[in-house]
Amino acid sequence: MTTTNVRETVPPADADSLTPSARRGIVAACIGNFLEWYEFVLYGYFAAVFAVLFFPNDDPAVAMMMTFLVFGISFFVRPLGGVVFGYIGDRYGRKVTLSAIILMISLATAAMALVPPYASIGVLAPICILLLRCLQGLSAGGEWMGAAAYVVESAPAGRRAFFGSWQTITIVLGMAVAASTSFALSALLSPEALLSWGWRIPFLAALPLGLIGLYIRLKLEESPEFSEARAEAAGPEKSPLMQAIKQHWRSILLVTALVCAPTMCTYVLLIYLPTLLTETLGVETAAARGAILVSMLILVALVVVFARLCDRFGRRPFILAGAMWVLVAAVPGFILIHQGSLFAIIAGVVLILIGDAMMLAPQPALFCELFPTTKRYSGLAIGYNLGVMIFGGAGPFVAATLVSLSGSTFAPSWYLMVGAAISLAGAWVVHETLGVSLRTGRRQTSSLLHAQEPLANPQSVGESVR
């Protein structure tokens, strides 16, 4: 980010409180984010159903791998969605972009419920599911960074990590509701009824939920930070995407690396692990899903605690500690998981998720602080989606493949360790961003103290190294 020689000070202490307008905007953005991720991960929690209905099932293991392959392929279109929606978001605003995104994913999710099974239309069934998953991926490619940018830009400077963490929290809560829906339908319906019509209910429900989300987002006001930055620039950024790549490519690569371990933990532990537990380790479905749901709630609580600490002590210590924690805890965590009891599974998953929570808590604030306001959406869209595409969406498929090829059910823990090492490298070189102005990239200080010097690199906070 460009800096000036003018000293900059933090607004008065009451600026740490939210205005009514900002509070409504943050709540609306988080509700939309919750709905978006509930709809996006439904497919993963109904993977066993999709494997039976929409893929050739001569070999159940191959059918399941194909199901997770489609899950992963949808992530490969996320960067394209990020590019498109990132451009729109930086040029025309966050509000219109976020509204279009939630409508797109709701239509695609509801349409999945209408696809006939493989037994009826043959190979067209998996093709239709793949195309609809790609539409979901395009939508998801613009969601997280748009909602995160809106929330962080609307939050008080001293509480960005806390309010930004609600983006992570609503993702986990959306996943928890999707998992609970899958669990409830499996418990209430016979296997025949679930395969015949029961699984379609939560997918069809996405349409009215999406319309509610659309209504909420259309009521949003544009974030003051974005409006002021665009006014200062005398109009919208002409080519935010190219400018973000040209000027902030180091920050983009840092985001990609820092996303690696958290997204792998999320998709391997919270999406793939229930399948591993029930299909391979012989754990009862109720125990497997119950353990994951409890672990999700614990993760939410941990993220809240760590986010508050990040606003006090900085972002970098927590992403460093979190990556090191996952690197060390992955194998012990899987040893506990392999004990098979409900308590042991929860203990093993949570042991790893402690490090995941340390990294997730500062992510929205840190990532937003790495880019200037007028290029934030585009820069985040590229870096974040590359990381999720390479390391997150492929997680269930890679984990299943590693288990199949190695014959070891500990293989997913090795995968998590590789991801932790990559994020640790990114955490080691990223600069601390606590107190940085979103607009100028300069550290803010109390008006009673002398202003600190600008960061060494004038282009981007994220491009500075230790």
Protein backbone atom coordinates (compact mmCIF):
# COMPACT_ATOMS: atom_id res chain seq x y z
CA MET A 1 0.00 0.00 0.00
CA THR A 2 1.11 3.51 -0.66
CA THR A 3 2.20 5.52 2.33
CA THR A 4 2.65 9.22 2.96
CA ASN A 5 4.80 11.22 5.32
CA VAL A 6 1.79 12.61 7.17
CA ARG A 7 1.35 11.20 10.62
CA GLU A 8 -1.83 9.27 11.17
CA THR A 9 -3.66 8.72 14.43
CA VAL A 10 -6.37 6.45 15.61
CA PRO A 11 -9.85 7.92 16.06
CA PRO A 12 -11.06 8.59 19.60
CA ALA A 13 -11.77 5.70 21.95
CA ASP A 14 -15.49 5.66 21.18
CA ALA A 15 -14.61 4.69 17.62
CA ASP A 16 -14.12 1.16 18.94
CA SER A 17 -17.90 0.86 19.23
CA LEU A 18 -20.12 0.00 16.29
CA THR A 19 -22.60 2.40 14.79
CA PRO A 20 -26.13 0.98 14.34
CA SER A 21 -25.63 0.96 10.57
CA ALA A 22 -22.33 -0.93 10.83
CA ARG A 23 -23.85 -3.41 13.26
CA ARG A 24 -26.75 -4.15 10.90
CA GLY A 25 -24.34 -4.53 8.00
CA ILE A 26 -22.08 -6.97 9.84
CA VAL A 27 -25.02 -9.05 11.00
CA ALA A 28 -26.45 -9.15 7.48
CA ALA A 29 -23.10 -10.13 5.94
CA CYS A 30 -22.63 -12.92 8.50
CA ILE A 31 -26.15 -14.29 8.01
CA GLY A 32 -25.57 -14.41 4.27
CA ASN A 33 -22.22 -16.10 4.80
CA PHE A 34 -23.88 -18.71 7.03
CA LEU A 35 -26.49 -19.51 4.38
CA GLU A 36 -23.87 -19.64 1.63
CA TRP A 37 -21.72 -22.23 3.39
CA TYR A 38 -24.64 -24.29 4.63
CA GLU A 39 -25.64 -24.75 0.99
CA PHE A 40 -22.09 -25.29 -0.27
CA VAL A 41 -21.17 -28.14 2.12
CA LEU A 42 -24.48 -30.04 2.00
CA TYR A 43 -23.08 -32.11 -0.85
CA GLY A 44 -20.17 -33.27 1.32
CA TYR A 45 -22.41 -34.46 4.16
CA PHE A 46 -24.65 -36.36 1.74
CA ALA A 47 -21.66 -37.87 -0.08
CA ALA A 48 -22.79 -41.43 0.66
CA VAL A 49 -26.18 -40.69 -0.92
CA PHE A 50 -24.66 -39.09 -4.02
CA ALA A 51 -22.25 -42.02 -4.42
CA VAL A 52 -25.17 -44.45 -4.58
CA LEU A 53 -27.57 -42.36 -6.68
CA PHE A 54 -25.44 -40.48 -9.19
CA PHE A 55 -22.34 -42.56 -9.89
CA PRO A 56 -21.79 -46.09 -11.23
CA ASN A 57 -21.70 -48.24 -8.10
CA ASP A 58 -20.10 -51.46 -9.29
CA ASP A 59 -17.36 -50.67 -6.79
CA PRO A 60 -18.62 -48.63 -3.78
CA ALA A 61 -15.10 -47.38 -2.98
CA VAL A 62 -14.66 -46.02 -6.50
CA ALA A 63 -18.12 -44.44 -6.42
CA MET A 64 -17.22 -42.67 -3.17
CA MET A 65 -13.92 -41.45 -4.61
CA MET A 66 -15.77 -40.12 -7.66
CA THR A 67 -18.19 -38.32 -5.36
CA PHE A 68 -15.34 -36.60 -3.54
CA LEU A 69 -13.61 -35.92 -6.86
CA VAL A 70 -16.65 -33.89 -7.97
CA PHE A 71 -16.55 -32.18 -4.58
CA GLY A 72 -12.93 -31.24 -5.25
CA ILE A 73 -13.43 -30.23 -8.90
CA SER A 74 -15.93 -27.58 -7.82
CA PHE A 75 -13.06 -25.88 -6.00
CA PHE A 76 -11.08 -25.58 -9.22
CA VAL A 77 -13.62 -23.11 -10.59
CA ARG A 78 -13.48 -21.04 -7.43
CA PRO A 79 -10.57 -18.89 -8.66
CA LEU A 80 -12.63 -18.05 -11.75
CA GLY A 81 -15.51 -17.02 -9.51
CA GLY A 82 -13.08 -15.04 -7.42
CA VAL A 83 -11.74 -13.21 -10.47
CA VAL A 84 -15.21 -12.34 -11.74
CA PHE A 85 -16.74 -11.35 -8.42
CA GLY A 86 -13.52 -9.76 -7.21
CA TYR A 87 -13.55 -7.43 -10.20
CA ILE A 88 -17.22 -6.60 -9.67
CA GLY A 89 -16.72 -6.13 -5.94
CA ASP A 90 -13.80 -3.71 -6.29
CA ARG A 91 -15.30 -1.82 -9.20
CA TYR A 92 -19.00 -1.68 -8.33
CA GLY A 93 -19.12 -2.40 -4.62
CA ARG A 94 -19.56 -5.19 -2.08
CA LYS A 95 -23.36 -5.02 -1.83
CA VAL A 96 -24.32 -5.88 -5.42
CA THR A 97 -21.67 -8.62 -5.56
CA LEU A 98 -22.71 -10.37 -2.38
CA SER A 99 -26.36 -10.24 -3.44
CA ALA A 100 -25.64 -11.92 -6.80
CA ILE A 101 -23.50 -14.59 -5.13
CA ILE A 102 -26.12 -15.84 -2.70
CA LEU A 103 -28.78 -16.00 -5.42
CA MET A 104 -26.51 -18.07 -7.67
CA ILE A 105 -25.64 -20.71 -5.09
CA SER A 106 -29.23 -21.04 -3.88
CA LEU A 107 -30.50 -21.75 -7.39
CA ALA A 108 -27.71 -24.28 -8.04
CA THR A 109 -28.29 -26.07 -4.73
CA ALA A 110 -32.06 -26.34 -5.22
CA ALA A 111 -31.52 -27.61 -8.77
CA MET A 112 -29.48 -30.54 -7.43
CA ALA A 113 -32.60 -31.89 -5.78
CA LEU A 114 -34.27 -32.14 -9.18
CA VAL A 115 -31.57 -34.19 -10.95
CA PRO A 116 -32.73 -37.76 -11.78
CA PRO A 117 -30.45 -40.58 -10.56
CA TYR A 118 -27.91 -42.53 -12.61
CA ALA A 119 -30.34 -45.43 -12.95
CA SER A 120 -32.73 -43.15 -14.87
CA ILE A 121 -30.54 -40.98 -17.11
CA GLY A 122 -27.16 -42.67 -16.98
CA VAL A 123 -24.01 -40.61 -17.37
CA LEU A 124 -26.04 -37.39 -17.60
CA ALA A 125 -26.67 -37.65 -13.84
CA PRO A 126 -23.06 -37.15 -12.70
CA ILE A 127 -22.56 -34.55 -15.44
CA CYS A 128 -25.50 -32.49 -14.15
CA ILE A 129 -24.26 -32.78 -10.57
CA LEU A 130 -20.77 -31.71 -11.66
CA LEU A 131 -22.10 -28.66 -13.52
CA LEU A 132 -24.24 -27.59 -10.57
CA ARG A 133 -21.30 -28.07 -8.20
CA CYS A 134 -19.26 -25.84 -10.50
CA LEU A 135 -21.92 -23.14 -10.23
CA GLN A 136 -21.71 -23.49 -6.47
CA GLY A 137 -17.95 -23.19 -6.75
CA LEU A 138 -18.20 -20.00 -8.80
CA SER A 139 -20.45 -18.53 -6.13
CA ALA A 140 -18.26 -19.65 -3.23
CA GLY A 141 -15.26 -18.20 -5.06
CA GLY A 142 -16.55 -14.71 -4.38
CA GLU A 143 -18.31 -15.18 -1.04
CA TRP A 144 -15.72 -15.42 1.72
CA MET A 145 -13.48 -12.57 0.66
CA GLY A 146 -16.41 -10.30 -0.18
CA ALA A 147 -18.14 -10.86 3.14
CA ALA A 148 -14.82 -10.69 5.01
CA ALA A 149 -13.89 -7.42 3.32
CA TYR A 150 -17.28 -5.94 4.14
CA VAL A 151 -17.15 -6.96 7.81
CA VAL A 152 -13.54 -5.91 8.41
CA GLU A 153 -14.09 -2.60 6.62
CA SER A 154 -17.15 -1.96 8.81
CA ALA A 155 -15.52 -2.98 12.11
CA PRO A 156 -13.73 -0.63 14.52
CA ALA A 157 -9.96 -0.59 13.95
CA GLY A 158 -9.21 -2.14 17.33
CA ARG A 159 -11.67 -5.01 16.93
CA ARG A 160 -11.15 -6.19 13.37
CA ALA A 161 -10.00 -9.68 14.32
CA PHE A 162 -13.01 -10.24 16.59
CA PHE A 163 -15.63 -9.07 14.12
CA GLY A 164 -13.78 -10.61 11.19
CA SER A 165 -13.71 -13.96 13.00
CA TRP A 166 -17.49 -14.14 12.67
CA GLN A 167 -16.90 -14.95 9.03
CA THR A 168 -15.10 -18.09 10.17
CA ILE A 169 -17.68 -18.77 12.86
CA THR A 170 -20.62 -18.54 10.47
CA ILE A 171 -18.86 -20.91 8.06
CA VAL A 172 -18.46 -23.47 10.85
CA LEU A 173 -22.04 -22.93 12.03
CA GLY A 174 -23.28 -23.37 8.45
CA MET A 175 -21.33 -26.62 8.25
CA ALA A 176 -22.72 -27.71 11.63
CA VAL A 177 -26.31 -27.11 10.51
CA ALA A 178 -25.67 -29.01 7.28
CA ALA A 179 -24.15 -31.89 9.24
CA SER A 180 -27.03 -31.84 11.73
CA THR A 181 -29.52 -31.92 8.88
CA SER A 182 -27.81 -34.95 7.38
CA PHE A 183 -27.67 -36.66 10.78
CA ALA A 184 -31.34 -35.94 11.58
CA LEU A 185 -32.62 -37.19 8.23
CA SER A 186 -30.49 -40.33 8.49
CA ALA A 187 -31.88 -41.01 11.97
CA LEU A 188 -35.54 -40.24 11.20
CA LEU A 189 -35.87 -41.88 7.78
CA SER A 190 -35.30 -45.39 6.57
CA PRO A 191 -32.35 -45.84 4.18
CA GLU A 192 -34.81 -46.35 1.34
CA ALA A 193 -36.75 -43.17 2.12
CA LEU A 194 -33.52 -41.18 2.52
CA LEU A 195 -32.28 -42.30 -0.90
CA SER A 196 -35.65 -41.85 -2.55
CA TRP A 197 -36.72 -38.37 -1.41
CA GLY A 198 -35.43 -37.46 2.05
CA TRP A 199 -32.04 -36.10 0.98
CA ARG A 200 -33.73 -33.68 -1.43
CA ILE A 201 -35.45 -31.70 1.35
CA PRO A 202 -32.43 -29.64 2.56
CA PHE A 203 -31.37 -28.99 -1.04
CA LEU A 204 -34.82 -27.69 -2.01
CA ALA A 205 -34.86 -25.58 1.18
CA ALA A 206 -31.87 -23.67 -0.19
CA LEU A 207 -34.13 -21.68 -2.52
CA PRO A 208 -36.33 -19.98 0.12
CA LEU A 209 -33.30 -19.58 2.38
CA GLY A 210 -31.42 -17.96 -0.48
CA LEU A 211 -34.26 -15.53 -1.14
CA ILE A 212 -34.19 -14.54 2.52
CA GLY A 213 -30.43 -14.00 2.26
CA LEU A 214 -30.88 -11.98 -0.92
CA TYR A 215 -33.44 -9.73 0.77
CA ILE A 216 -31.08 -9.17 3.72
CA ARG A 217 -28.14 -8.33 1.49
CA LEU A 218 -30.11 -5.96 -0.71
CA LYS A 219 -30.75 -3.95 2.46
CA LEU A 220 -27.01 -3.55 3.07
CA GLU A 221 -25.37 -0.16 2.87
CA GLU A 222 -21.98 -0.05 1.15
CA SER A 223 -19.09 -0.24 3.65
CA PRO A 224 -17.94 3.29 4.62
CA GLU A 225 -14.30 2.31 4.08
CA PHE A 226 -14.95 1.28 0.47
CA SER A 227 -17.14 4.31 -0.26
CA GLU A 228 -14.56 6.73 1.12
CA ALA A 229 -11.67 5.02 -0.66
CA ARG A 230 -13.49 5.15 -3.99
CA ALA A 231 -14.39 8.80 -3.43
CA GLU A 232 -10.73 9.61 -2.74
CA ALA A 233 -9.78 7.85 -5.97
CA ALA A 234 -12.33 9.93 -7.88
CA GLY A 235 -14.23 6.88 -9.08
CA PRO A 236 -13.96 3.09 -9.31
CA GLU A 237 -10.66 1.30 -9.87
CA LYS A 238 -10.33 0.67 -13.62
CA SER A 239 -8.45 -2.64 -13.46
CA PRO A 240 -8.36 -3.81 -9.82
CA LEU A 241 -7.50 -7.38 -10.71
CA MET A 242 -4.42 -6.58 -12.78
CA GLN A 243 -3.29 -3.94 -10.32
CA ALA A 244 -3.63 -6.42 -7.45
CA ILE A 245 -1.53 -9.01 -9.30
CA LYS A 246 1.08 -6.46 -10.38
CA GLN A 247 1.48 -4.56 -7.12
CA HIS A 248 0.57 -7.15 -4.46
CA TRP A 249 1.58 -10.52 -5.82
CA ARG A 250 3.64 -11.28 -2.71
CA SER A 251 0.57 -10.74 -0.54
CA ILE A 252 -1.43 -13.02 -2.84
CA LEU A 253 1.15 -15.80 -2.42
CA LEU A 254 1.23 -15.28 1.34
CA VAL A 255 -2.55 -15.63 1.55
CA THR A 256 -2.36 -18.84 -0.51
CA ALA A 257 0.22 -20.33 1.86
CA LEU A 258 -1.54 -19.19 5.02
CA VAL A 259 -4.85 -20.66 3.86
CA CYS A 260 -3.28 -24.08 3.36
CA ALA A 261 -3.31 -25.66 6.84
CA PRO A 262 -6.63 -24.21 8.08
CA THR A 263 -8.55 -25.21 4.98
CA MET A 264 -7.03 -28.70 5.00
CA CYS A 265 -8.02 -29.13 8.66
CA THR A 266 -11.54 -27.96 7.87
CA TYR A 267 -12.21 -30.20 4.90
CA VAL A 268 -10.30 -33.27 6.06
CA LEU A 269 -11.47 -33.28 9.68
CA LEU A 270 -14.97 -31.84 9.38
CA ILE A 271 -16.03 -33.10 5.92
CA TYR A 272 -14.04 -36.25 5.12
CA LEU A 273 -13.44 -37.72 8.59
CA PRO A 274 -17.06 -38.85 9.20
CA THR A 275 -16.82 -40.97 6.06
CA LEU A 276 -13.48 -42.44 7.15
CA LEU A 277 -14.86 -43.22 10.59
CA THR A 278 -17.99 -44.99 9.38
CA GLU A 279 -16.82 -46.59 6.14
CA THR A 280 -13.31 -47.67 7.15
CA LEU A 281 -12.88 -47.61 10.93
CA GLY A 282 -16.25 -49.15 11.71
CA VAL A 283 -17.50 -46.36 13.98
CA GLU A 284 -21.26 -46.06 14.31
CA THR A 285 -22.77 -43.25 12.26
CA ALA A 286 -24.30 -41.55 15.30
CA ALA A 287 -20.99 -41.51 17.17
CA ALA A 288 -19.02 -40.27 14.15
CA ARG A 289 -21.37 -37.43 13.31
CA GLY A 290 -21.97 -36.53 16.93
CA ALA A 291 -18.23 -36.25 17.54
CA ILE A 292 -17.80 -33.92 14.57
CA LEU A 293 -20.71 -31.72 15.64
CA VAL A 294 -19.32 -31.34 19.16
CA SER A 295 -15.88 -30.59 17.71
CA MET A 296 -17.37 -27.86 15.50
CA LEU A 297 -18.96 -26.14 18.49
CA ILE A 298 -15.68 -26.27 20.38
CA LEU A 299 -13.91 -24.83 17.33
CA VAL A 300 -16.35 -21.90 17.31
CA ALA A 301 -15.63 -21.15 20.97
CA LEU A 302 -11.86 -21.37 20.41
CA VAL A 303 -12.00 -19.00 17.43
CA VAL A 304 -13.86 -16.38 19.49
CA VAL A 305 -11.29 -16.56 22.30
CA PHE A 306 -8.27 -16.43 19.99
CA ALA A 307 -9.77 -13.61 17.91
CA ARG A 308 -10.08 -11.41 20.99
CA LEU A 309 -6.47 -12.16 21.85
CA CYS A 310 -5.39 -11.35 18.28
CA ASP A 311 -6.79 -7.84 18.66
CA ARG A 312 -4.60 -7.40 21.71
CA PHE A 313 -1.38 -9.24 20.92
CA GLY A 314 -1.30 -9.32 17.13
CA ARG A 315 -2.06 -11.70 14.27
CA ARG A 316 1.33 -13.21 13.52
CA PRO A 317 1.99 -14.98 16.88
CA PHE A 318 -1.22 -16.97 16.50
CA ILE A 319 -0.74 -18.10 12.91
CA LEU A 320 2.81 -19.15 13.79
CA ALA A 321 1.72 -21.04 16.90
CA GLY A 322 -1.26 -22.58 15.10
CA ALA A 323 0.79 -23.98 12.22
CA MET A 324 3.35 -25.43 14.62
CA TRP A 325 0.56 -26.90 16.75
CA VAL A 326 -1.05 -28.74 13.80
CA LEU A 327 2.37 -29.97 12.67
CA VAL A 328 2.97 -31.57 16.08
CA ALA A 329 -0.59 -32.61 16.95
CA ALA A 330 -1.73 -34.27 13.69
CA VAL A 331 -0.43 -37.78 14.42
CA PRO A 332 -1.32 -37.81 18.17
CA GLY A 333 -4.76 -36.54 17.22
CA PHE A 334 -5.28 -39.43 14.79
CA ILE A 335 -4.04 -41.91 17.39
CA LEU A 336 -6.86 -40.73 19.65
CA ILE A 337 -9.35 -40.79 16.77
CA HIS A 338 -8.46 -44.42 16.07
CA GLN A 339 -9.54 -45.43 19.58
CA GLY A 340 -13.08 -45.29 18.21
CA SER A 341 -14.99 -44.07 21.27
CA LEU A 342 -17.02 -40.87 21.16
CA PHE A 343 -14.82 -39.14 23.75
CA ALA A 344 -11.56 -40.23 22.09
CA ILE A 345 -12.70 -39.05 18.65
CA ILE A 346 -13.70 -35.65 20.03
CA ALA A 347 -10.42 -35.36 21.93
CA GLY A 348 -8.37 -36.24 18.85
CA VAL A 349 -10.20 -33.88 16.52
CA VAL A 350 -10.16 -31.00 19.02
CA LEU A 351 -6.46 -31.54 19.71
CA ILE A 352 -5.77 -30.71 16.06
CA LEU A 353 -8.46 -28.02 15.85
CA ILE A 354 -6.78 -25.98 18.58
CA GLY A 355 -4.06 -25.12 16.08
CA ASP A 356 -6.66 -24.67 13.35
CA ALA A 357 -8.52 -22.14 15.54
CA MET A 358 -5.31 -20.18 16.20
CA MET A 359 -4.87 -19.72 12.45
CA LEU A 360 -8.54 -19.14 11.61
CA ALA A 361 -9.10 -16.44 14.24
CA PRO A 362 -6.91 -13.70 12.69
CA GLN A 363 -7.37 -14.72 9.04
CA PRO A 364 -10.12 -12.30 7.92
CA ALA A 365 -8.48 -9.29 9.55
CA LEU A 366 -4.94 -10.23 8.54
CA PHE A 367 -5.83 -10.99 4.94
CA CYS A 368 -7.82 -7.77 4.53
CA GLU A 369 -4.97 -5.77 6.05
CA LEU A 370 -2.58 -7.15 3.42
CA PHE A 371 -4.34 -5.28 0.59
CA PRO A 372 -5.47 -1.69 -0.04
CA THR A 373 -9.21 -1.09 -0.01
CA THR A 374 -9.69 -0.56 -3.75
CA LYS A 375 -7.91 -3.83 -4.62
CA ARG A 376 -8.81 -5.90 -1.56
CA TYR A 377 -11.60 -8.01 -3.05
CA SER A 378 -9.56 -8.90 -6.15
CA GLY A 379 -6.35 -9.65 -4.26
CA LEU A 380 -8.10 -11.82 -1.70
CA ALA A 381 -10.13 -13.58 -4.38
CA ILE A 382 -6.98 -14.79 -6.11
CA GLY A 383 -4.89 -15.73 -3.07
CA TYR A 384 -7.65 -17.24 -0.96
CA ASN A 385 -9.22 -19.27 -3.75
CA LEU A 386 -5.89 -20.61 -4.95
CA GLY A 387 -5.17 -21.87 -1.45
CA VAL A 388 -8.61 -23.41 -1.00
CA MET A 389 -8.53 -24.94 -4.49
CA ILE A 390 -5.13 -26.55 -4.09
CA PHE A 391 -5.28 -27.59 -0.45
CA GLY A 392 -8.90 -27.51 0.73
CA GLY A 393 -11.25 -28.75 -1.97
CA ALA A 394 -8.85 -31.52 -2.91
CA GLY A 395 -8.54 -32.50 0.76
CA PRO A 396 -11.24 -35.21 0.97
CA PHE A 397 -10.23 -36.71 -2.38
CA VAL A 398 -6.50 -36.67 -1.56
CA ALA A 399 -7.12 -38.09 1.91
CA ALA A 400 -9.30 -40.89 0.53
CA THR A 401 -6.73 -41.63 -2.17
CA LEU A 402 -3.86 -41.70 0.32
CA VAL A 403 -5.75 -44.12 2.53
CA SER A 404 -6.50 -46.34 -0.47
CA LEU A 405 -2.95 -46.31 -1.87
CA SER A 406 -1.04 -46.58 1.41
CA GLY A 407 -3.43 -48.88 3.20
CA SER A 408 -2.97 -46.71 6.30
CA THR A 409 -5.83 -44.82 7.91
CA PHE A 410 -3.22 -42.49 9.40
CA ALA A 411 -2.45 -41.09 5.93
CA PRO A 412 -4.71 -38.01 6.40
CA SER A 413 -2.57 -36.93 9.35
CA TRP A 414 0.52 -36.89 7.13
CA TYR A 415 -1.40 -34.72 4.68
CA LEU A 416 -2.26 -32.28 7.48
CA MET A 417 1.40 -32.11 8.50
CA VAL A 418 2.44 -31.12 4.97
CA GLY A 419 -0.17 -28.37 4.97
CA ALA A 420 0.98 -27.14 8.38
CA ALA A 421 4.57 -26.89 7.13
CA ILE A 422 3.46 -24.77 4.15
CA SER A 423 1.44 -22.40 6.35
CA LEU A 424 4.30 -22.23 8.83
CA ALA A 425 6.57 -20.95 6.05
CA GLY A 426 4.02 -18.26 5.19
CA ALA A 427 3.54 -17.32 8.84
CA TRP A 428 7.29 -16.96 9.26
CA VAL A 429 7.63 -14.30 6.56
CA VAL A 430 4.36 -12.37 6.88
CA HIS A 431 4.59 -9.03 8.68
CA GLU A 432 2.48 -8.17 11.73
CA THR A 433 -0.53 -6.12 10.64
CA LEU A 434 -2.11 -5.22 13.98
CA GLY A 435 -2.75 -1.47 13.98
CA VAL A 436 -2.34 -1.03 10.23
CA SER A 437 -4.67 1.38 8.43
CA LEU A 438 -6.83 -0.36 5.84
CA ARG A 439 -6.52 2.68 3.57
CA THR A 440 -2.84 3.62 3.75
CA GLY A 441 -0.97 0.61 5.11
CA ARG A 442 0.52 2.68 7.95
CA ARG A 443 0.44 1.75 11.60
CA GLN A 444 -2.09 3.69 13.62
CA THR A 445 -1.30 4.94 17.10
CA SER A 446 -3.15 6.72 19.85
CA SER A 447 -3.53 10.45 19.27
CA LEU A 448 -1.66 10.97 22.53
CA LEU A 449 1.43 9.15 21.28
CA HIS A 450 3.85 9.80 18.49
CA ALA A 451 2.90 8.11 15.24
CA GLN A 452 5.01 5.13 14.29
CA GLU A 453 7.06 5.04 11.14
CA PRO A 454 5.50 3.63 7.96
CA LEU A 455 6.16 0.02 7.15
CA ALA A 456 9.31 -0.64 5.21
CA ASN A 457 7.68 -1.76 1.98
CA PRO A 458 5.36 0.87 0.48
CA GLN A 459 3.49 -1.56 -1.72
CA SER A 460 1.97 -4.00 0.71
CA VAL A 461 2.05 -4.90 4.35
CA GLY A 462 2.22 -8.55 3.38
CA GLU A 463 5.33 -8.01 1.31
CA SER A 464 7.43 -7.11 4.33
CA VAL A 465 9.39 -9.92 5.93
CA ARG A 466 11.01 -10.38 9.23
